Amino acid sequence: VQLVESGGGLVQPGGSLRLSCAASGFTFSSYGMRWYRQAPGKERELVAGITSTGGSAVYLDSVKGRFTISRDNAKNTVYLQMNSLKPEDTAVYYCNGGRRYDYWGQGTQVTVSS
């Protein structure tokens, strides 16, 4: 099983990034997927989740209206579109999924700074 995130980087406040997570080794289309983040000195927090079909999603209150989670089951990939980024969004972002949500990616750094 592999979850490989990409798309992180340095962006100015107000900017946008799109994270991708490519999955392999399990039946991606059968399971919900999640994005978490962890900032230095803070606990890991759930940012967004999406059902197996992509028909429903949930978001952390602080990112509602700015972030959008989506998935392409044909490509075994889940995305996180992040708009209107703020310095407080700075964190390592992790992809998570599987039947028991026990698969994790290695993380991708997002830094929002001027």
C-alpha atoms as a PDB file:
ATOM      1  CA  VAL A   1       0.000   0.000   0.000  1.00  0.00           C
ATOM      2  CA  GLN A   2       1.241   3.458  -0.881  1.00  0.00           C
ATOM      3  CA  LEU A   3      -0.159   6.948  -0.525  1.00  0.00           C
ATOM      4  CA  VAL A   4       2.062   9.556  -2.156  1.00  0.00           C
ATOM      5  CA  GLU A   5       1.282  13.231  -1.644  1.00  0.00           C
ATOM      6  CA  SER A   6       2.498  16.020  -3.892  1.00  0.00           C
ATOM      7  CA  GLY A   7       1.773  19.675  -4.586  1.00  0.00           C
ATOM      8  CA  GLY A   8       2.983  21.329  -1.421  1.00  0.00           C
ATOM      9  CA  GLY A   9       5.235  24.354  -1.365  1.00  0.00           C
ATOM     10  CA  LEU A  10       5.671  27.971  -0.362  1.00  0.00           C
ATOM     11  CA  VAL A  11       2.835  30.352  -1.192  1.00  0.00           C
ATOM     12  CA  GLN A  12       1.964  33.900  -0.223  1.00  0.00           C
ATOM     13  CA  PRO A  13      -1.106  34.653   1.893  1.00  0.00           C
ATOM     14  CA  GLY A  14      -4.184  34.681  -0.305  1.00  0.00           C
ATOM     15  CA  GLY A  15      -2.635  32.239  -2.742  1.00  0.00           C
ATOM     16  CA  SER A  16      -3.693  28.759  -3.800  1.00  0.00           C
ATOM     17  CA  LEU A  17      -2.259  25.275  -3.917  1.00  0.00           C
ATOM     18  CA  ARG A  18      -3.643  21.926  -5.029  1.00  0.00           C
ATOM     19  CA  LEU A  19      -2.446  18.845  -3.193  1.00  0.00           C
ATOM     20  CA  SER A  20      -2.668  15.407  -4.774  1.00  0.00           C
ATOM     21  CA  CYS A  21      -2.475  11.976  -3.207  1.00  0.00           C
ATOM     22  CA  ALA A  22      -1.889   8.994  -5.475  1.00  0.00           C
ATOM     23  CA  ALA A  23      -2.970   5.679  -3.983  1.00  0.00           C
ATOM     24  CA  SER A  24      -1.901   2.151  -4.848  1.00  0.00           C
ATOM     25  CA  GLY A  25      -2.053  -1.312  -3.361  1.00  0.00           C
ATOM     26  CA  PHE A  26      -5.663  -1.284  -2.216  1.00  0.00           C
ATOM     27  CA  THR A  27      -9.135  -0.824  -3.702  1.00  0.00           C
ATOM     28  CA  PHE A  28      -9.149   2.971  -3.616  1.00  0.00           C
ATOM     29  CA  SER A  29     -12.685   3.373  -4.888  1.00  0.00           C
ATOM     30  CA  SER A  30     -14.111   1.361  -1.995  1.00  0.00           C
ATOM     31  CA  TYR A  31     -13.050   3.649   0.821  1.00  0.00           C
ATOM     32  CA  GLY A  32     -13.382   7.157   2.087  1.00  0.00           C
ATOM     33  CA  MET A  33     -10.301   9.341   2.091  1.00  0.00           C
ATOM     34  CA  ARG A  34      -9.126  12.128   4.365  1.00  0.00           C
ATOM     35  CA  TRP A  35      -6.610  14.958   4.523  1.00  0.00           C
ATOM     36  CA  TYR A  36      -4.988  15.773   7.852  1.00  0.00           C
ATOM     37  CA  ARG A  37      -2.455  18.425   8.769  1.00  0.00           C
ATOM     38  CA  GLN A  38       0.018  18.939  11.557  1.00  0.00           C
ATOM     39  CA  ALA A  39       1.635  22.240  12.399  1.00  0.00           C
ATOM     40  CA  PRO A  40       4.808  22.464  14.524  1.00  0.00           C
ATOM     41  CA  GLY A  41       4.013  21.912  18.182  1.00  0.00           C
ATOM     42  CA  LYS A  42       0.380  21.057  17.478  1.00  0.00           C
ATOM     43  CA  GLU A  43      -1.638  17.871  17.224  1.00  0.00           C
ATOM     44  CA  ARG A  44      -2.576  16.402  13.878  1.00  0.00           C
ATOM     45  CA  GLU A  45      -6.050  17.574  12.840  1.00  0.00           C
ATOM     46  CA  LEU A  46      -8.572  16.379  10.295  1.00  0.00           C
ATOM     47  CA  VAL A  47      -8.902  18.947   7.513  1.00  0.00           C
ATOM     48  CA  ALA A  48     -11.333  17.274   5.115  1.00  0.00           C
ATOM     49  CA  GLY A  49     -12.871  13.916   4.314  1.00  0.00           C
ATOM     50  CA  ILE A  50     -14.699  12.493   1.315  1.00  0.00           C
ATOM     51  CA  THR A  51     -16.811   9.380   0.831  1.00  0.00           C
ATOM     52  CA  SER A  52     -15.819   6.537  -1.485  1.00  0.00           C
ATOM     53  CA  THR A  53     -17.990   7.829  -4.320  1.00  0.00           C
ATOM     54  CA  GLY A  54     -17.137  11.464  -3.769  1.00  0.00           C
ATOM     55  CA  GLY A  55     -20.761  12.246  -3.095  1.00  0.00           C
ATOM     56  CA  SER A  56     -20.241  13.798   0.311  1.00  0.00           C
ATOM     57  CA  ALA A  57     -17.491  15.713   2.060  1.00  0.00           C
ATOM     58  CA  VAL A  58     -16.791  17.225   5.453  1.00  0.00           C
ATOM     59  CA  TYR A  59     -14.454  20.032   6.438  1.00  0.00           C
ATOM     60  CA  LEU A  60     -12.723  21.555   9.423  1.00  0.00           C
ATOM     61  CA  ASP A  61     -14.612  24.733  10.275  1.00  0.00           C
ATOM     62  CA  SER A  62     -11.602  26.957   9.705  1.00  0.00           C
ATOM     63  CA  VAL A  63     -11.194  25.799   6.083  1.00  0.00           C
ATOM     64  CA  LYS A  64     -14.849  25.731   5.011  1.00  0.00           C
ATOM     65  CA  GLY A  65     -15.382  27.830   1.917  1.00  0.00           C
ATOM     66  CA  ARG A  66     -11.659  27.902   1.156  1.00  0.00           C
ATOM     67  CA  PHE A  67     -10.671  24.235   0.721  1.00  0.00           C
ATOM     68  CA  THR A  68     -12.288  21.612  -1.499  1.00  0.00           C
ATOM     69  CA  ILE A  69     -11.628  17.884  -1.352  1.00  0.00           C
ATOM     70  CA  SER A  70     -12.306  15.786  -4.435  1.00  0.00           C
ATOM     71  CA  ARG A  71     -11.328  12.426  -5.893  1.00  0.00           C
ATOM     72  CA  ASP A  72     -10.876  10.687  -9.210  1.00  0.00           C
ATOM     73  CA  ASN A  73     -11.439   6.971  -8.726  1.00  0.00           C
ATOM     74  CA  ALA A  74     -10.256   6.236 -12.263  1.00  0.00           C
ATOM     75  CA  LYS A  75      -6.872   7.705 -11.331  1.00  0.00           C
ATOM     76  CA  ASN A  76      -6.823   6.447  -7.712  1.00  0.00           C
ATOM     77  CA  THR A  77      -6.161   9.998  -6.612  1.00  0.00           C
ATOM     78  CA  VAL A  78      -7.623  12.348  -4.020  1.00  0.00           C
ATOM     79  CA  TYR A  79      -7.115  16.109  -4.169  1.00  0.00           C
ATOM     80  CA  LEU A  80      -7.246  19.064  -1.838  1.00  0.00           C
ATOM     81  CA  GLN A  81      -7.743  22.425  -3.523  1.00  0.00           C
ATOM     82  CA  MET A  82      -6.697  25.155  -1.120  1.00  0.00           C
ATOM     83  CA  ASN A  83      -7.633  28.764  -1.861  1.00  0.00           C
ATOM     84  CA  SER A  84      -7.283  31.997   0.115  1.00  0.00           C
ATOM     85  CA  LEU A  85      -4.467  30.459   2.087  1.00  0.00           C
ATOM     86  CA  LYS A  86      -3.549  31.954   5.453  1.00  0.00           C
ATOM     87  CA  PRO A  87      -0.346  31.721   7.494  1.00  0.00           C
ATOM     88  CA  GLU A  88      -2.207  29.525   9.978  1.00  0.00           C
ATOM     89  CA  ASP A  89      -2.657  26.926   7.219  1.00  0.00           C
ATOM     90  CA  THR A  90       1.081  26.269   7.370  1.00  0.00           C
ATOM     91  CA  ALA A  91       1.575  22.591   8.212  1.00  0.00           C
ATOM     92  CA  VAL A  92       2.564  19.213   6.882  1.00  0.00           C
ATOM     93  CA  TYR A  93      -0.457  17.797   5.072  1.00  0.00           C
ATOM     94  CA  TYR A  94      -1.089  14.053   5.118  1.00  0.00           C
ATOM     95  CA  CYS A  95      -3.301  11.839   3.023  1.00  0.00           C
ATOM     96  CA  ASN A  96      -5.156   9.074   4.877  1.00  0.00           C
ATOM     97  CA  GLY A  97      -7.451   6.243   3.880  1.00  0.00           C
ATOM     98  CA  GLY A  98      -8.260   2.566   3.819  1.00  0.00           C
ATOM     99  CA  ARG A  99     -10.952   0.433   5.430  1.00  0.00           C
ATOM    100  CA  ARG A 100      -9.882   1.438   8.913  1.00  0.00           C
ATOM    101  CA  TYR A 101      -8.226   4.676   7.835  1.00  0.00           C
ATOM    102  CA  ASP A 102      -4.920   3.010   8.639  1.00  0.00           C
ATOM    103  CA  TYR A 103      -2.977   4.004   5.526  1.00  0.00           C
ATOM    104  CA  TRP A 104      -0.921   7.199   5.629  1.00  0.00           C
ATOM    105  CA  GLY A 105       1.228   9.102   3.196  1.00  0.00           C
ATOM    106  CA  GLN A 106       4.586  10.643   4.021  1.00  0.00           C
ATOM    107  CA  GLY A 107       3.220  14.178   4.071  1.00  0.00           C
ATOM    108  CA  THR A 108       3.834  17.307   2.033  1.00  0.00           C
ATOM    109  CA  GLN A 109       4.865  20.661   3.492  1.00  0.00           C
ATOM    110  CA  VAL A 110       2.663  23.685   2.921  1.00  0.00           C
ATOM    111  CA  THR A 111       4.099  27.034   4.004  1.00  0.00           C
ATOM    112  CA  VAL A 112       2.051  30.212   3.742  1.00  0.00           C
ATOM    113  CA  SER A 113       4.237  33.252   4.216  1.00  0.00           C
ATOM    114  CA  SER A 114       5.036  36.586   2.654  1.00  0.00           C
END
